[in-house]
Amino acid sequence: MTDSDSASRQLRVIRSLMERATIYRSISAPTALVGGLLSLGGFATAYYAKHHRHHSLSPTEFLIVWLVILALTCFTNVIFLSRGATRRSESFFSSGMKCALTSVAPAFFSAAVLTLLIHSPIHLALVWITFYGMGLLATQHFAPRSLVILGLTFFFTGCGLLFTWKHLFMPNPHVEPSALVVSGIMAATFGGFHLAYAAAVWALGEEREELVPSTSGTENV
């Protein structure tokens, strides 16, 4: 395949994704709901450890709790994507899926590498918030505007916290915020932002647009 053919194929995929962006929006809404609720559960776990176990989550425990939440959310997303692909009689790893994965891969891979190198809960949270926003923004050429707005919200929140967290959450300059405080930040962002996003999508009735099949002659997503 020549470079021209490859570029043309990529343009067809992106155009198809743009025309059918409501599919991405409607699938991401229930995933956002599940992820938001699980994030609130992460905060509840940290609260229980602090006030009932009388010992805050250790950095390792904090990491494990939020990686479990990530894994469960990703598993939920796979289920929704698989059902959507089956309903549209498409392959799960379609051209559109590969394009989306390629777009988010740099930001998400960078966050994964930094997760292996960082042991401080507050710094982990800032990395996850910022790079998650960057990953969503990488899909802006074919994602619905609502998803782009969600990405902007995460990105600017992460950038803002990078400059202000010491003033907001670190009154003692020698003691970092506890795992409970950091879990609260995670719950407010990954929990609150996702729940607000899901509520907005459903309130606007956008999830029903998924049921309208694409009538274009472009390549299926």
N, C-alpha and C. Protein backbone atom coordinates (compact mmCIF):
# COMPACT_ATOMS: atom_id res chain seq x y z
N MET A 1 0.84 -1.19 0.00
CA MET A 1 0.00 0.00 0.00
C MET A 1 0.88 1.25 0.00
N THR A 2 0.64 2.19 -0.92
CA THR A 2 1.43 3.41 -1.00
C THR A 2 1.05 4.37 0.10
N ASP A 3 1.92 5.38 0.29
CA ASP A 3 1.63 6.39 1.31
C ASP A 3 0.35 7.13 0.99
N SER A 4 0.10 7.35 -0.31
CA SER A 4 -1.12 8.05 -0.71
C SER A 4 -2.36 7.23 -0.37
N ASP A 5 -2.29 5.91 -0.64
CA ASP A 5 -3.42 5.04 -0.33
C ASP A 5 -3.65 4.97 1.18
N SER A 6 -2.57 4.91 1.94
CA SER A 6 -2.69 4.84 3.38
C SER A 6 -3.30 6.12 3.93
N ALA A 7 -2.85 7.26 3.43
CA ALA A 7 -3.41 8.54 3.89
C ALA A 7 -4.87 8.66 3.52
N SER A 8 -5.23 8.21 2.33
CA SER A 8 -6.62 8.27 1.90
C SER A 8 -7.50 7.39 2.78
N ARG A 9 -7.00 6.23 3.14
CA ARG A 9 -7.76 5.31 3.99
C ARG A 9 -7.96 5.93 5.37
N GLN A 10 -6.91 6.57 5.91
CA GLN A 10 -7.02 7.21 7.21
C GLN A 10 -8.04 8.35 7.18
N LEU A 11 -8.07 9.10 6.09
CA LEU A 11 -9.04 10.18 5.97
C LEU A 11 -10.46 9.65 5.94
N ARG A 12 -10.66 8.51 5.27
CA ARG A 12 -12.00 7.91 5.23
C ARG A 12 -12.43 7.46 6.62
N VAL A 13 -11.48 6.89 7.36
CA VAL A 13 -11.79 6.45 8.72
C VAL A 13 -12.17 7.63 9.59
N ILE A 14 -11.37 8.70 9.54
CA ILE A 14 -11.64 9.88 10.36
C ILE A 14 -12.96 10.52 9.96
N ARG A 15 -13.25 10.58 8.66
CA ARG A 15 -14.52 11.16 8.21
C ARG A 15 -15.69 10.33 8.71
N SER A 16 -15.53 9.01 8.68
CA SER A 16 -16.60 8.14 9.18
C SER A 16 -16.81 8.36 10.67
N LEU A 17 -15.71 8.49 11.42
CA LEU A 17 -15.82 8.73 12.85
C LEU A 17 -16.51 10.04 13.14
N MET A 18 -16.19 11.07 12.37
CA MET A 18 -16.82 12.37 12.56
C MET A 18 -18.32 12.31 12.29
N GLU A 19 -18.70 11.57 11.24
CA GLU A 19 -20.10 11.46 10.88
C GLU A 19 -20.89 10.65 11.90
N ARG A 20 -20.20 9.76 12.60
CA ARG A 20 -20.88 8.88 13.54
C ARG A 20 -20.42 9.11 14.96
N ALA A 21 -20.05 10.33 15.26
CA ALA A 21 -19.51 10.64 16.57
C ALA A 21 -20.49 10.36 17.69
N THR A 22 -21.79 10.38 17.40
CA THR A 22 -22.77 10.11 18.45
C THR A 22 -22.62 8.70 19.00
N ILE A 23 -22.06 7.80 18.23
CA ILE A 23 -21.82 6.45 18.74
C ILE A 23 -20.82 6.50 19.89
N TYR A 24 -19.77 7.28 19.69
CA TYR A 24 -18.77 7.41 20.75
C TYR A 24 -19.37 8.11 21.96
N ARG A 25 -20.22 9.10 21.72
CA ARG A 25 -20.81 9.83 22.83
C ARG A 25 -21.73 8.92 23.63
N SER A 26 -22.59 8.19 22.97
CA SER A 26 -23.56 7.38 23.69
C SER A 26 -22.91 6.21 24.41
N ILE A 27 -21.85 5.66 23.87
CA ILE A 27 -21.16 4.57 24.55
C ILE A 27 -20.39 5.11 25.75
N SER A 28 -19.79 6.27 25.63
CA SER A 28 -18.99 6.81 26.71
C SER A 28 -19.83 7.27 27.89
N ALA A 29 -21.10 7.59 27.66
CA ALA A 29 -21.95 8.07 28.75
C ALA A 29 -22.15 7.01 29.84
N PRO A 30 -22.59 5.80 29.52
CA PRO A 30 -22.73 4.79 30.57
C PRO A 30 -21.39 4.39 31.18
N THR A 31 -20.32 4.40 30.37
CA THR A 31 -19.00 4.13 30.92
C THR A 31 -18.61 5.21 31.92
N ALA A 32 -18.90 6.47 31.57
CA ALA A 32 -18.60 7.57 32.48
C ALA A 32 -19.39 7.44 33.78
N LEU A 33 -20.62 6.98 33.68
CA LEU A 33 -21.44 6.78 34.88
C LEU A 33 -20.81 5.74 35.79
N VAL A 34 -20.43 4.61 35.22
CA VAL A 34 -19.81 3.55 36.01
C VAL A 34 -18.49 4.02 36.60
N GLY A 35 -17.66 4.66 35.77
CA GLY A 35 -16.37 5.15 36.26
C GLY A 35 -16.53 6.19 37.35
N GLY A 36 -17.54 7.06 37.21
CA GLY A 36 -17.78 8.06 38.23
C GLY A 36 -18.19 7.45 39.55
N LEU A 37 -19.07 6.47 39.50
CA LEU A 37 -19.52 5.81 40.72
C LEU A 37 -18.38 5.03 41.38
N LEU A 38 -17.57 4.38 40.57
CA LEU A 38 -16.42 3.64 41.12
C LEU A 38 -15.42 4.60 41.76
N SER A 39 -15.27 5.80 41.19
CA SER A 39 -14.36 6.79 41.77
C SER A 39 -14.86 7.25 43.13
N LEU A 40 -16.16 7.41 43.25
CA LEU A 40 -16.72 7.74 44.56
C LEU A 40 -16.47 6.60 45.54
N GLY A 41 -16.50 5.38 45.03
CA GLY A 41 -16.18 4.23 45.86
C GLY A 41 -14.73 4.24 46.32
N GLY A 42 -13.84 4.75 45.47
CA GLY A 42 -12.44 4.88 45.86
C GLY A 42 -12.27 5.84 47.02
N PHE A 43 -13.02 6.94 46.98
CA PHE A 43 -12.98 7.89 48.09
C PHE A 43 -13.55 7.26 49.35
N ALA A 44 -14.64 6.48 49.20
CA ALA A 44 -15.24 5.81 50.36
C ALA A 44 -14.25 4.83 50.98
N THR A 45 -13.46 4.17 50.15
CA THR A 45 -12.44 3.24 50.66
C THR A 45 -11.40 3.98 51.49
N ALA A 46 -10.94 5.13 50.97
CA ALA A 46 -9.95 5.93 51.70
C ALA A 46 -10.55 6.49 53.00
N TYR A 47 -11.81 6.86 52.97
CA TYR A 47 -12.48 7.37 54.16
C TYR A 47 -12.60 6.28 55.22
N TYR A 48 -12.95 5.08 54.79
CA TYR A 48 -13.06 3.96 55.72
C TYR A 48 -11.70 3.68 56.37
N ALA A 49 -10.65 3.69 55.55
CA ALA A 49 -9.32 3.41 56.09
C ALA A 49 -8.91 4.46 57.11
N LYS A 50 -9.25 5.71 56.85
CA LYS A 50 -8.84 6.80 57.74
C LYS A 50 -9.63 6.81 59.04
N HIS A 51 -10.93 6.61 58.95
CA HIS A 51 -11.78 6.82 60.13
C HIS A 51 -12.22 5.53 60.84
N HIS A 52 -12.09 4.40 60.17
CA HIS A 52 -12.48 3.14 60.81
C HIS A 52 -11.29 2.23 61.06
N ARG A 53 -10.37 2.22 60.13
CA ARG A 53 -9.14 1.46 60.35
C ARG A 53 -8.13 2.31 61.14
N HIS A 54 -8.42 3.63 61.16
CA HIS A 54 -7.58 4.60 61.87
C HIS A 54 -6.15 4.64 61.33
N HIS A 55 -6.06 4.41 60.05
CA HIS A 55 -4.76 4.49 59.40
C HIS A 55 -5.00 4.77 57.92
N SER A 56 -4.45 5.87 57.43
CA SER A 56 -4.66 6.24 56.02
C SER A 56 -4.08 5.18 55.09
N LEU A 57 -4.63 5.15 53.89
CA LEU A 57 -4.08 4.26 52.87
C LEU A 57 -2.61 4.59 52.64
N SER A 58 -1.80 3.57 52.55
CA SER A 58 -0.40 3.78 52.21
C SER A 58 -0.32 4.12 50.72
N PRO A 59 0.79 4.67 50.25
CA PRO A 59 0.93 4.95 48.81
C PRO A 59 0.67 3.72 47.95
N THR A 60 1.14 2.56 48.41
CA THR A 60 0.90 1.33 47.64
C THR A 60 -0.58 0.98 47.63
N GLU A 61 -1.25 1.09 48.76
CA GLU A 61 -2.68 0.80 48.83
C GLU A 61 -3.48 1.79 47.98
N PHE A 62 -3.08 3.05 48.02
CA PHE A 62 -3.73 4.06 47.19
C PHE A 62 -3.62 3.68 45.72
N LEU A 63 -2.43 3.30 45.30
CA LEU A 63 -2.22 2.91 43.91
C LEU A 63 -3.07 1.70 43.54
N ILE A 64 -3.12 0.72 44.41
CA ILE A 64 -3.89 -0.50 44.13
C ILE A 64 -5.37 -0.18 43.99
N VAL A 65 -5.90 0.63 44.91
CA VAL A 65 -7.32 0.98 44.87
C VAL A 65 -7.68 1.63 43.55
N TRP A 66 -6.88 2.58 43.11
CA TRP A 66 -7.24 3.31 41.90
C TRP A 66 -6.92 2.54 40.62
N LEU A 67 -5.96 1.64 40.69
CA LEU A 67 -5.73 0.77 39.53
C LEU A 67 -6.86 -0.23 39.37
N VAL A 68 -7.42 -0.71 40.48
CA VAL A 68 -8.58 -1.59 40.41
C VAL A 68 -9.77 -0.85 39.81
N ILE A 69 -9.96 0.40 40.22
CA ILE A 69 -11.04 1.21 39.65
C ILE A 69 -10.83 1.40 38.16
N LEU A 70 -9.60 1.66 37.75
CA LEU A 70 -9.29 1.80 36.33
C LEU A 70 -9.60 0.52 35.57
N ALA A 71 -9.18 -0.62 36.14
CA ALA A 71 -9.40 -1.90 35.47
C ALA A 71 -10.89 -2.19 35.30
N LEU A 72 -11.67 -1.94 36.35
CA LEU A 72 -13.11 -2.19 36.28
C LEU A 72 -13.79 -1.26 35.27
N THR A 73 -13.34 -0.01 35.23
CA THR A 73 -13.91 0.94 34.27
C THR A 73 -13.58 0.53 32.84
N CYS A 74 -12.32 0.13 32.61
CA CYS A 74 -11.92 -0.31 31.28
C CYS A 74 -12.69 -1.56 30.86
N PHE A 75 -12.89 -2.47 31.79
CA PHE A 75 -13.66 -3.68 31.50
C PHE A 75 -15.09 -3.33 31.11
N THR A 76 -15.67 -2.38 31.84
CA THR A 76 -17.02 -1.93 31.51
C THR A 76 -17.05 -1.31 30.12
N ASN A 77 -16.04 -0.51 29.81
CA ASN A 77 -16.00 0.14 28.50
C ASN A 77 -15.89 -0.88 27.38
N VAL A 78 -15.10 -1.93 27.60
CA VAL A 78 -14.97 -2.98 26.60
C VAL A 78 -16.32 -3.64 26.34
N ILE A 79 -17.09 -3.86 27.40
CA ILE A 79 -18.41 -4.47 27.24
C ILE A 79 -19.30 -3.60 26.38
N PHE A 80 -19.35 -2.29 26.66
CA PHE A 80 -20.18 -1.38 25.89
C PHE A 80 -19.72 -1.29 24.43
N LEU A 81 -18.40 -1.23 24.23
CA LEU A 81 -17.88 -1.16 22.87
C LEU A 81 -18.19 -2.44 22.10
N SER A 82 -18.07 -3.57 22.78
CA SER A 82 -18.35 -4.85 22.12
C SER A 82 -19.82 -4.97 21.74
N ARG A 83 -20.71 -4.55 22.64
CA ARG A 83 -22.14 -4.59 22.33
C ARG A 83 -22.47 -3.66 21.18
N GLY A 84 -21.85 -2.49 21.16
CA GLY A 84 -22.09 -1.55 20.07
C GLY A 84 -21.62 -2.10 18.74
N ALA A 85 -20.45 -2.73 18.73
CA ALA A 85 -19.93 -3.31 17.51
C ALA A 85 -20.82 -4.45 17.02
N THR A 86 -21.30 -5.26 17.95
CA THR A 86 -22.19 -6.37 17.58
C THR A 86 -23.50 -5.86 17.00
N ARG A 87 -24.05 -4.81 17.62
CA ARG A 87 -25.31 -4.25 17.14
C ARG A 87 -25.16 -3.68 15.73
N ARG A 88 -23.98 -3.15 15.42
CA ARG A 88 -23.75 -2.57 14.10
C ARG A 88 -23.15 -3.58 13.13
N SER A 89 -23.01 -4.84 13.58
CA SER A 89 -22.44 -5.91 12.76
C SER A 89 -21.03 -5.55 12.28
N GLU A 90 -20.22 -5.07 13.20
CA GLU A 90 -18.87 -4.66 12.89
C GLU A 90 -17.87 -5.44 13.73
N SER A 91 -16.64 -5.44 13.29
CA SER A 91 -15.56 -6.04 14.07
C SER A 91 -15.26 -5.16 15.28
N PHE A 92 -14.93 -5.79 16.40
CA PHE A 92 -14.61 -5.02 17.60
C PHE A 92 -13.39 -4.14 17.35
N PHE A 93 -12.33 -4.71 16.80
CA PHE A 93 -11.14 -3.94 16.46
C PHE A 93 -11.25 -3.41 15.03
N SER A 94 -12.21 -2.52 14.85
CA SER A 94 -12.44 -1.91 13.55
C SER A 94 -11.38 -0.86 13.27
N SER A 95 -11.43 -0.30 12.05
CA SER A 95 -10.48 0.76 11.69
C SER A 95 -10.65 1.96 12.61
N GLY A 96 -11.90 2.26 12.96
CA GLY A 96 -12.16 3.38 13.85
C GLY A 96 -11.59 3.15 15.23
N MET A 97 -11.74 1.92 15.73
CA MET A 97 -11.20 1.59 17.04
C MET A 97 -9.68 1.74 17.05
N LYS A 98 -9.04 1.25 16.00
CA LYS A 98 -7.58 1.35 15.92
C LYS A 98 -7.14 2.80 15.85
N CYS A 99 -7.90 3.62 15.12
CA CYS A 99 -7.57 5.04 15.02
C CYS A 99 -7.70 5.72 16.38
N ALA A 100 -8.75 5.38 17.11
CA ALA A 100 -8.97 5.98 18.43
C ALA A 100 -7.86 5.55 19.40
N LEU A 101 -7.51 4.26 19.38
CA LEU A 101 -6.46 3.76 20.27
C LEU A 101 -5.12 4.41 19.95
N THR A 102 -4.84 4.58 18.66
CA THR A 102 -3.59 5.23 18.26
C THR A 102 -3.54 6.67 18.75
N SER A 103 -4.69 7.34 18.75
CA SER A 103 -4.74 8.74 19.16
C SER A 103 -4.47 8.91 20.65
N VAL A 104 -5.04 8.04 21.48
CA VAL A 104 -4.91 8.20 22.93
C VAL A 104 -3.65 7.53 23.47
N ALA A 105 -3.02 6.68 22.68
CA ALA A 105 -1.89 5.88 23.17
C ALA A 105 -0.74 6.72 23.74
N PRO A 106 -0.28 7.78 23.07
CA PRO A 106 0.86 8.53 23.63
C PRO A 106 0.60 9.08 25.03
N ALA A 107 -0.55 9.71 25.23
CA ALA A 107 -0.85 10.29 26.54
C ALA A 107 -1.02 9.20 27.60
N PHE A 108 -1.76 8.15 27.27
CA PHE A 108 -2.01 7.10 28.25
C PHE A 108 -0.75 6.30 28.56
N PHE A 109 0.09 6.07 27.53
CA PHE A 109 1.34 5.35 27.76
C PHE A 109 2.27 6.18 28.64
N SER A 110 2.33 7.48 28.41
CA SER A 110 3.16 8.36 29.23
C SER A 110 2.69 8.33 30.69
N ALA A 111 1.37 8.35 30.88
CA ALA A 111 0.84 8.29 32.24
C ALA A 111 1.20 6.97 32.91
N ALA A 112 1.17 5.88 32.14
CA ALA A 112 1.51 4.56 32.69
C ALA A 112 2.97 4.52 33.12
N VAL A 113 3.86 5.07 32.30
CA VAL A 113 5.28 5.10 32.64
C VAL A 113 5.52 5.92 33.90
N LEU A 114 4.89 7.09 33.97
CA LEU A 114 5.06 7.94 35.15
C LEU A 114 4.50 7.29 36.40
N THR A 115 3.45 6.48 36.23
CA THR A 115 2.86 5.77 37.37
C THR A 115 3.87 4.80 37.97
N LEU A 116 4.70 4.21 37.12
CA LEU A 116 5.73 3.28 37.61
C LEU A 116 6.86 4.01 38.32
N LEU A 117 7.03 5.29 38.03
CA LEU A 117 8.15 6.04 38.57
C LEU A 117 7.80 6.88 39.78
N ILE A 118 6.49 7.20 39.92
CA ILE A 118 6.06 8.11 40.99
C ILE A 118 5.40 7.29 42.10
N HIS A 119 5.71 7.65 43.35
CA HIS A 119 5.14 6.92 44.48
C HIS A 119 4.29 7.82 45.38
N SER A 120 4.26 9.10 45.09
CA SER A 120 3.48 10.04 45.89
C SER A 120 2.05 10.11 45.38
N PRO A 121 1.05 9.84 46.22
CA PRO A 121 -0.35 9.88 45.77
C PRO A 121 -0.76 11.19 45.11
N ILE A 122 -0.35 12.33 45.67
CA ILE A 122 -0.77 13.61 45.10
C ILE A 122 -0.18 13.81 43.71
N HIS A 123 1.07 13.41 43.52
CA HIS A 123 1.68 13.55 42.20
C HIS A 123 1.08 12.56 41.20
N LEU A 124 0.74 11.38 41.67
CA LEU A 124 0.06 10.43 40.80
C LEU A 124 -1.27 10.99 40.33
N ALA A 125 -2.03 11.56 41.25
CA ALA A 125 -3.34 12.12 40.90
C ALA A 125 -3.20 13.22 39.86
N LEU A 126 -2.22 14.10 40.03
CA LEU A 126 -2.03 15.20 39.09
C LEU A 126 -1.65 14.69 37.71
N VAL A 127 -0.82 13.67 37.67
CA VAL A 127 -0.44 13.06 36.39
C VAL A 127 -1.65 12.44 35.72
N TRP A 128 -2.42 11.66 36.48
CA TRP A 128 -3.57 10.98 35.89
C TRP A 128 -4.61 11.97 35.36
N ILE A 129 -4.90 13.01 36.13
CA ILE A 129 -5.90 14.00 35.71
C ILE A 129 -5.45 14.70 34.43
N THR A 130 -4.20 15.17 34.42
CA THR A 130 -3.70 15.94 33.28
C THR A 130 -3.58 15.09 32.03
N PHE A 131 -2.99 13.93 32.15
CA PHE A 131 -2.76 13.10 30.96
C PHE A 131 -4.06 12.46 30.47
N TYR A 132 -5.01 12.22 31.35
CA TYR A 132 -6.30 11.73 30.89
C TYR A 132 -6.97 12.79 30.02
N GLY A 133 -6.90 14.04 30.46
CA GLY A 133 -7.44 15.12 29.64
C GLY A 133 -6.75 15.21 28.30
N MET A 134 -5.43 15.05 28.28
CA MET A 134 -4.68 15.08 27.03
C MET A 134 -5.10 13.95 26.10
N GLY A 135 -5.35 12.77 26.70
CA GLY A 135 -5.79 11.64 25.88
C GLY A 135 -7.13 11.90 25.22
N LEU A 136 -8.08 12.45 25.98
CA LEU A 136 -9.38 12.77 25.40
C LEU A 136 -9.26 13.82 24.32
N LEU A 137 -8.42 14.82 24.54
CA LEU A 137 -8.25 15.88 23.55
C LEU A 137 -7.62 15.36 22.26
N ALA A 138 -6.88 14.28 22.35
CA ALA A 138 -6.26 13.70 21.16
C ALA A 138 -7.30 13.13 20.20
N THR A 139 -8.53 12.93 20.69
CA THR A 139 -9.60 12.38 19.84
C THR A 139 -10.49 13.48 19.27
N GLN A 140 -10.09 14.75 19.41
CA GLN A 140 -10.98 15.85 19.07
C GLN A 140 -11.37 15.90 17.60
N HIS A 141 -10.57 15.28 16.72
CA HIS A 141 -10.89 15.34 15.30
C HIS A 141 -12.06 14.44 14.91
N PHE A 142 -12.41 13.50 15.78
CA PHE A 142 -13.54 12.63 15.44
C PHE A 142 -14.49 12.41 16.60
N ALA A 143 -14.16 12.93 17.78
CA ALA A 143 -15.03 12.75 18.94
C ALA A 143 -16.09 13.85 18.96
N PRO A 144 -17.22 13.60 19.62
CA PRO A 144 -18.24 14.65 19.77
C PRO A 144 -17.72 15.77 20.64
N ARG A 145 -18.31 16.94 20.50
CA ARG A 145 -17.84 18.11 21.23
C ARG A 145 -17.92 17.91 22.74
N SER A 146 -18.92 17.19 23.19
CA SER A 146 -19.07 16.97 24.63
C SER A 146 -17.86 16.24 25.21
N LEU A 147 -17.31 15.30 24.46
CA LEU A 147 -16.14 14.57 24.94
C LEU A 147 -14.90 15.46 24.94
N VAL A 148 -14.82 16.34 23.95
CA VAL A 148 -13.71 17.29 23.90
C VAL A 148 -13.78 18.25 25.09
N ILE A 149 -14.99 18.69 25.42
CA ILE A 149 -15.17 19.58 26.58
C ILE A 149 -14.74 18.86 27.86
N LEU A 150 -15.08 17.57 27.96
CA LEU A 150 -14.65 16.79 29.12
C LEU A 150 -13.13 16.74 29.18
N GLY A 151 -12.49 16.54 28.03
CA GLY A 151 -11.04 16.51 28.00
C GLY A 151 -10.43 17.84 28.41
N LEU A 152 -11.01 18.93 27.94
CA LEU A 152 -10.53 20.26 28.32
C LEU A 152 -10.68 20.48 29.82
N THR A 153 -11.79 20.02 30.37
CA THR A 153 -12.04 20.18 31.80
C THR A 153 -10.97 19.46 32.61
N PHE A 154 -10.67 18.23 32.24
CA PHE A 154 -9.63 17.48 32.95
C PHE A 154 -8.26 18.13 32.77
N PHE A 155 -7.96 18.52 31.55
CA PHE A 155 -6.63 19.07 31.26
C PHE A 155 -6.38 20.36 32.03
N PHE A 156 -7.32 21.28 31.97
CA PHE A 156 -7.12 22.56 32.65
C PHE A 156 -7.18 22.41 34.17
N THR A 157 -7.99 21.47 34.64
CA THR A 157 -8.01 21.20 36.08
C THR A 157 -6.66 20.66 36.54
N GLY A 158 -6.13 19.71 35.78
CA GLY A 158 -4.83 19.15 36.11
C GLY A 158 -3.73 20.21 36.09
N CYS A 159 -3.73 21.04 35.05
CA CYS A 159 -2.72 22.09 34.95
C CYS A 159 -2.86 23.08 36.10
N GLY A 160 -4.11 23.42 36.44
CA GLY A 160 -4.34 24.36 37.53
C GLY A 160 -3.85 23.80 38.86
N LEU A 161 -4.13 22.52 39.08
CA LEU A 161 -3.71 21.89 40.34
C LEU A 161 -2.20 21.76 40.43
N LEU A 162 -1.52 21.62 39.29
CA LEU A 162 -0.07 21.54 39.30
C LEU A 162 0.56 22.79 39.93
N PHE A 163 -0.10 23.93 39.76
CA PHE A 163 0.42 25.19 40.28
C PHE A 163 -0.14 25.55 41.66
N THR A 164 -1.29 24.97 42.01
CA THR A 164 -1.96 25.44 43.22
C THR A 164 -2.08 24.41 44.33
N TRP A 165 -1.74 23.14 44.07
CA TRP A 165 -2.05 22.10 45.06
C TRP A 165 -1.32 22.32 46.38
N LYS A 166 -0.10 22.88 46.33
CA LYS A 166 0.63 23.11 47.58
C LYS A 166 -0.05 24.16 48.44
N HIS A 167 -0.70 25.11 47.81
CA HIS A 167 -1.40 26.16 48.56
C HIS A 167 -2.77 25.68 49.04
N LEU A 168 -3.40 24.81 48.24
CA LEU A 168 -4.77 24.37 48.57
C LEU A 168 -4.80 23.18 49.52
N PHE A 169 -3.89 22.24 49.34
CA PHE A 169 -3.98 20.97 50.06
C PHE A 169 -2.76 20.64 50.90
N MET A 170 -1.84 21.60 51.05
CA MET A 170 -0.62 21.31 51.79
C MET A 170 -0.31 22.46 52.76
N PRO A 171 -1.15 22.63 53.80
CA PRO A 171 -0.93 23.72 54.75
C PRO A 171 0.40 23.58 55.50
N ASN A 172 0.80 22.33 55.72
CA ASN A 172 2.11 22.07 56.33
C ASN A 172 3.11 21.79 55.21
N PRO A 173 4.10 22.66 55.03
CA PRO A 173 5.02 22.50 53.89
C PRO A 173 5.86 21.23 53.93
N HIS A 174 5.86 20.55 55.06
CA HIS A 174 6.69 19.35 55.19
C HIS A 174 5.88 18.05 55.14
N VAL A 175 4.58 18.18 55.00
CA VAL A 175 3.72 16.99 54.98
C VAL A 175 2.81 17.05 53.75
N GLU A 176 2.90 16.03 52.91
CA GLU A 176 2.05 15.98 51.71
C GLU A 176 0.61 15.65 52.11
N PRO A 177 -0.35 15.97 51.23
CA PRO A 177 -1.75 15.65 51.53
C PRO A 177 -1.93 14.15 51.77
N SER A 178 -2.83 13.81 52.66
CA SER A 178 -3.09 12.40 52.97
C SER A 178 -3.77 11.71 51.79
N ALA A 179 -3.78 10.38 51.86
CA ALA A 179 -4.44 9.60 50.81
C ALA A 179 -5.93 9.91 50.74
N LEU A 180 -6.52 10.28 51.88
CA LEU A 180 -7.94 10.64 51.90
C LEU A 180 -8.17 11.93 51.13
N VAL A 181 -7.32 12.93 51.32
CA VAL A 181 -7.45 14.20 50.60
C VAL A 181 -7.24 13.98 49.11
N VAL A 182 -6.25 13.21 48.75
CA VAL A 182 -5.97 12.95 47.34
C VAL A 182 -7.11 12.15 46.71
N SER A 183 -7.65 11.20 47.46
CA SER A 183 -8.80 10.44 46.96
C SER A 183 -10.00 11.35 46.76
N GLY A 184 -10.11 12.38 47.60
CA GLY A 184 -11.16 13.37 47.40
C GLY A 184 -10.98 14.13 46.10
N ILE A 185 -9.73 14.45 45.76
CA ILE A 185 -9.45 15.12 44.49
C ILE A 185 -9.81 14.20 43.33
N MET A 186 -9.46 12.93 43.44
CA MET A 186 -9.79 11.96 42.40
C MET A 186 -11.30 11.80 42.26
N ALA A 187 -12.01 11.76 43.39
CA ALA A 187 -13.46 11.61 43.36
C ALA A 187 -14.12 12.84 42.73
N ALA A 188 -13.58 14.02 43.02
CA ALA A 188 -14.15 15.25 42.47
C ALA A 188 -13.95 15.35 40.97
N THR A 189 -12.83 14.83 40.48
CA THR A 189 -12.53 14.90 39.05
C THR A 189 -13.06 13.68 38.29
N PHE A 190 -12.44 12.53 38.54
CA PHE A 190 -12.86 11.33 37.82
C PHE A 190 -14.27 10.90 38.22
N GLY A 191 -14.67 11.24 39.43
CA GLY A 191 -16.04 10.93 39.84
C GLY A 191 -17.02 12.01 39.41
N GLY A 192 -16.81 13.23 39.89
CA GLY A 192 -17.74 14.32 39.62
C GLY A 192 -17.83 14.69 38.16
N PHE A 193 -16.70 14.83 37.49
CA PHE A 193 -16.71 15.23 36.08
C PHE A 193 -17.40 14.18 35.21
N HIS A 194 -17.12 12.90 35.49
CA HIS A 194 -17.74 11.85 34.67
C HIS A 194 -19.24 11.75 34.93
N LEU A 195 -19.65 11.88 36.16
CA LEU A 195 -21.08 11.83 36.46
C LEU A 195 -21.80 13.01 35.82
N ALA A 196 -21.20 14.20 35.88
CA ALA A 196 -21.80 15.38 35.26
C ALA A 196 -21.88 15.20 33.74
N TYR A 197 -20.85 14.62 33.16
CA TYR A 197 -20.83 14.38 31.72
C TYR A 197 -21.94 13.40 31.31
N ALA A 198 -22.04 12.29 32.05
CA ALA A 198 -23.07 11.31 31.73
C ALA A 198 -24.47 11.91 31.88
N ALA A 199 -24.68 12.68 32.94
CA ALA A 199 -25.98 13.30 33.17
C ALA A 199 -26.32 14.28 32.05
N ALA A 200 -25.33 15.05 31.60
CA ALA A 200 -25.56 16.03 30.54
C ALA A 200 -25.92 15.35 29.23
N VAL A 201 -25.20 14.26 28.91
CA VAL A 201 -25.47 13.54 27.67
C VAL A 201 -26.88 12.96 27.67
N TRP A 202 -27.27 12.34 28.77
CA TRP A 202 -28.60 11.75 28.83
C TRP A 202 -29.69 12.81 28.91
N ALA A 203 -29.41 13.93 29.58
CA ALA A 203 -30.41 14.99 29.68
C ALA A 203 -30.71 15.58 28.31
N LEU A 204 -29.70 15.62 27.45
CA LEU A 204 -29.89 16.15 26.10
C LEU A 204 -30.45 15.10 25.15
N GLY A 205 -30.59 13.87 25.64
CA GLY A 205 -31.14 12.80 24.80
C GLY A 205 -30.19 12.32 23.74
N GLU A 206 -28.89 12.56 23.91
CA GLU A 206 -27.94 12.21 22.86
C GLU A 206 -27.72 10.72 22.75
N GLU A 207 -27.99 9.98 23.82
CA GLU A 207 -27.75 8.54 23.74
C GLU A 207 -28.70 7.86 22.77
N ARG A 208 -29.87 8.49 22.51
CA ARG A 208 -30.81 7.87 21.58
C ARG A 208 -30.33 7.96 20.14
N GLU A 209 -29.40 8.89 19.87
CA GLU A 209 -28.91 9.04 18.51
C GLU A 209 -28.10 7.84 18.06
N GLU A 210 -27.62 7.07 19.02
CA GLU A 210 -26.84 5.88 18.66
C GLU A 210 -27.68 4.90 17.86
N LEU A 211 -28.96 4.91 18.08
CA LEU A 211 -29.82 3.94 17.43
C LEU A 211 -30.05 4.27 15.97
N VAL A 212 -29.64 5.47 15.53
CA VAL A 212 -29.81 5.85 14.14
C VAL A 212 -28.59 5.37 13.37
N PRO A 213 -28.73 4.43 12.42
CA PRO A 213 -27.58 3.92 11.71
C PRO A 213 -27.01 4.93 10.75
N SER A 214 -25.71 4.77 10.47
CA SER A 214 -25.07 5.67 9.52
C SER A 214 -25.57 5.38 8.12
N THR A 215 -25.85 6.42 7.37
CA THR A 215 -26.33 6.25 6.01
C THR A 215 -25.28 6.64 4.98
N SER A 216 -24.09 6.98 5.45
CA SER A 216 -23.04 7.38 4.53
C SER A 216 -22.42 6.16 3.86
N GLY A 217 -21.72 6.43 2.80
CA GLY A 217 -21.09 5.34 2.07
C GLY A 217 -19.64 5.16 2.46
N THR A 218 -19.23 5.80 3.55
CA THR A 218 -17.85 5.69 3.97
C THR A 218 -17.62 4.38 4.68
N GLU A 219 -16.36 4.13 4.95
CA GLU A 219 -15.97 2.89 5.61
C GLU A 219 -16.54 2.84 7.01
N ASN A 220 -17.03 1.70 7.44
CA ASN A 220 -17.58 1.55 8.78
C ASN A 220 -16.52 1.76 9.82
N VAL A 221 -16.94 2.30 10.98
CA VAL A 221 -16.02 2.49 12.08
C VAL A 221 -15.73 1.15 12.72
